[in-house]
C-alpha atoms as a PDB file:
ATOM      1  CA  MET A   1     102.479 102.059  94.012  1.00  0.00           C
ATOM      2  CA  SER A   2     100.200 105.067  93.947  1.00  0.00           C
ATOM      3  CA  TYR A   3      97.758 105.822  96.687  1.00  0.00           C
ATOM      4  CA  SER A   4      94.668 107.959  96.696  1.00  0.00           C
ATOM      5  CA  PRO A   5      92.296 108.361  99.645  1.00  0.00           C
ATOM      6  CA  LEU A   6      88.819 106.905  99.342  1.00  0.00           C
ATOM      7  CA  TRP A   7      87.261 110.250 100.281  1.00  0.00           C
ATOM      8  CA  PRO A   8      88.555 113.555 101.658  1.00  0.00           C
ATOM      9  CA  GLY A   9      89.883 112.990 105.133  1.00  0.00           C
ATOM     10  CA  TRP A  10      89.992 109.180 104.776  1.00  0.00           C
ATOM     11  CA  ALA A  11      93.482 108.867 106.235  1.00  0.00           C
ATOM     12  CA  ASP A  12      92.593 111.049 109.233  1.00  0.00           C
ATOM     13  CA  GLN A  13      89.319 109.191 109.808  1.00  0.00           C
ATOM     14  CA  THR A  14      91.116 105.855 109.633  1.00  0.00           C
ATOM     15  CA  ARG A  15      93.693 107.000 112.169  1.00  0.00           C
ATOM     16  CA  GLN A  16      90.914 108.354 114.441  1.00  0.00           C
ATOM     17  CA  ALA A  17      89.047 105.035 114.241  1.00  0.00           C
ATOM     18  CA  LEU A  18      92.211 103.165 115.176  1.00  0.00           C
ATOM     19  CA  ASP A  19      92.884 105.625 118.013  1.00  0.00           C
ATOM     20  CA  LEU A  20      89.334 105.209 119.371  1.00  0.00           C
ATOM     21  CA  PHE A  21      90.151 101.543 119.762  1.00  0.00           C
ATOM     22  CA  GLN A  22      92.347 102.550 122.696  1.00  0.00           C
ATOM     23  CA  GLU A  23      89.286 103.915 124.505  1.00  0.00           C
ATOM     24  CA  LEU A  24      87.510 100.548 124.582  1.00  0.00           C
ATOM     25  CA  PRO A  25      87.450  98.561 127.803  1.00  0.00           C
ATOM     26  CA  GLU A  26      90.605  96.470 128.143  1.00  0.00           C
ATOM     27  CA  GLU A  27      88.768  93.150 127.814  1.00  0.00           C
ATOM     28  CA  SER A  28      87.198  94.246 124.514  1.00  0.00           C
ATOM     29  CA  ARG A  29      90.519  95.648 123.262  1.00  0.00           C
ATOM     30  CA  VAL A  30      92.367  92.417 123.994  1.00  0.00           C
ATOM     31  CA  ALA A  31      89.681  90.318 122.302  1.00  0.00           C
ATOM     32  CA  LEU A  32      89.598  92.539 119.211  1.00  0.00           C
ATOM     33  CA  GLN A  33      93.395  92.673 118.988  1.00  0.00           C
ATOM     34  CA  GLY A  34      93.533  88.894 119.079  1.00  0.00           C
ATOM     35  CA  LEU A  35      90.899  88.577 116.384  1.00  0.00           C
ATOM     36  CA  ALA A  36      92.593  91.219 114.231  1.00  0.00           C
ATOM     37  CA  ALA A  37      95.985  89.525 114.585  1.00  0.00           C
ATOM     38  CA  TYR A  38      94.472  86.165 113.672  1.00  0.00           C
ATOM     39  CA  ILE A  39      92.812  87.579 110.539  1.00  0.00           C
ATOM     40  CA  GLY A  40      95.962  89.486 109.574  1.00  0.00           C
ATOM     41  CA  GLU A  41      98.142  86.392 109.914  1.00  0.00           C
ATOM     42  CA  GLU A  42      95.646  84.286 107.947  1.00  0.00           C
ATOM     43  CA  LEU A  43      95.716  86.846 105.136  1.00  0.00           C
ATOM     44  CA  ARG A  44      99.505  86.972 105.181  1.00  0.00           C
ATOM     45  CA  MET A  45      99.699  83.169 104.922  1.00  0.00           C
ATOM     46  CA  GLU A  46      97.191  83.149 102.045  1.00  0.00           C
ATOM     47  CA  PHE A  47      99.454  85.474 100.040  1.00  0.00           C
ATOM     48  CA  PRO A  48     103.004  84.397 100.948  1.00  0.00           C
ATOM     49  CA  ASP A  49     104.525  85.915  97.804  1.00  0.00           C
ATOM     50  CA  VAL A  50     102.991  89.351  98.386  1.00  0.00           C
ATOM     51  CA  GLU A  51     104.623  91.975 100.587  1.00  0.00           C
ATOM     52  CA  PRO A  52     102.790  91.826 103.968  1.00  0.00           C
ATOM     53  CA  GLY A  53     102.492  95.636 104.009  1.00  0.00           C
ATOM     54  CA  LEU A  54     100.633  95.557 100.708  1.00  0.00           C
ATOM     55  CA  VAL A  55      98.239  92.910 102.013  1.00  0.00           C
ATOM     56  CA  GLY A  56      97.715  95.153 105.050  1.00  0.00           C
ATOM     57  CA  TRP A  57      96.963  98.235 102.920  1.00  0.00           C
ATOM     58  CA  ILE A  58      94.494  96.294 100.776  1.00  0.00           C
ATOM     59  CA  THR A  59      92.817  94.977 103.916  1.00  0.00           C
ATOM     60  CA  LEU A  60      92.602  98.522 105.355  1.00  0.00           C
ATOM     61  CA  ARG A  61      91.084  99.808 102.121  1.00  0.00           C
ATOM     62  CA  ALA A  62      88.535  96.980 101.882  1.00  0.00           C
ATOM     63  CA  ALA A  63      87.497  97.502 105.502  1.00  0.00           C
ATOM     64  CA  SER A  64      87.211 101.240 104.883  1.00  0.00           C
ATOM     65  CA  HIS A  65      84.970 100.715 101.876  1.00  0.00           C
ATOM     66  CA  LEU A  66      82.661  98.461 103.862  1.00  0.00           C
ATOM     67  CA  GLY A  67      82.792 100.830 106.844  1.00  0.00           C
ATOM     68  CA  GLY A  68      81.856 103.704 104.538  1.00  0.00           C
ATOM     69  CA  LEU A  69      78.858 101.746 103.264  1.00  0.00           C
ATOM     70  CA  ILE A  70      77.758 100.980 106.802  1.00  0.00           C
ATOM     71  CA  ARG A  71      78.118 104.646 107.789  1.00  0.00           C
ATOM     72  CA  MET A  72      76.060 105.830 104.794  1.00  0.00           C
ATOM     73  CA  GLU A  73      73.184 103.375 105.317  1.00  0.00           C
ATOM     74  CA  SER A  74      70.003 104.962 106.571  1.00  0.00           C
ATOM     75  CA  ALA A  75      68.356 101.612 107.300  1.00  0.00           C
ATOM     76  CA  PRO A  76      69.963  98.718 109.139  1.00  0.00           C
ATOM     77  CA  VAL A  77      71.399  96.078 106.847  1.00  0.00           C
ATOM     78  CA  GLU A  78      72.089  92.496 107.842  1.00  0.00           C
ATOM     79  CA  PRO A  79      75.796  91.768 108.473  1.00  0.00           C
ATOM     80  CA  GLY A  80      75.632  88.979 105.888  1.00  0.00           C
ATOM     81  CA  THR A  81      74.903  91.606 103.247  1.00  0.00           C
ATOM     82  CA  TYR A  82      78.263  93.251 103.877  1.00  0.00           C
ATOM     83  CA  ILE A  83      79.959  89.866 103.796  1.00  0.00           C
ATOM     84  CA  ALA A  84      78.313  89.212 100.430  1.00  0.00           C
ATOM     85  CA  ILE A  85      79.439  92.630  99.143  1.00  0.00           C
ATOM     86  CA  GLY A  86      83.034  91.882 100.148  1.00  0.00           C
ATOM     87  CA  LEU A  87      82.911  88.447  98.555  1.00  0.00           C
ATOM     88  CA  MET A  88      81.394  89.794  95.352  1.00  0.00           C
ATOM     89  CA  ALA A  89      84.013  92.552  95.204  1.00  0.00           C
ATOM     90  CA  GLY A  90      86.782  89.970  95.416  1.00  0.00           C
ATOM     91  CA  ASP A  91      85.044  87.742  92.911  1.00  0.00           C
ATOM     92  CA  HIS A  92      84.736  90.684  90.516  1.00  0.00           C
ATOM     93  CA  LEU A  93      88.491  91.280  90.648  1.00  0.00           C
ATOM     94  CA  VAL A  94      89.352  87.610  90.300  1.00  0.00           C
ATOM     95  CA  SER A  95      86.992  87.057  87.364  1.00  0.00           C
ATOM     96  CA  THR A  96      88.147  90.176  85.488  1.00  0.00           C
ATOM     97  CA  SER A  97      91.881  89.567  85.902  1.00  0.00           C
END
């Protein structure tokens, strides 16, 4: 499997974002960890024949793409718009495979 960063410094920015998580109040950290674990396990169960690490990398990349869009936006966009973008991205891959 080949890997190329989404943009220069992507790997460092991803690590920094994950490290900043540690600076959140404990109650928020615990809640987010629980939600993240739930989503991760749901994704792993949806793709039982795929290496869990690969599912994790794809999830990281998808989240990074959406995070990059959010960061670049000059005007606020409804959260549902990003959900729709993620769904359409997946639909694009499914319909073209």
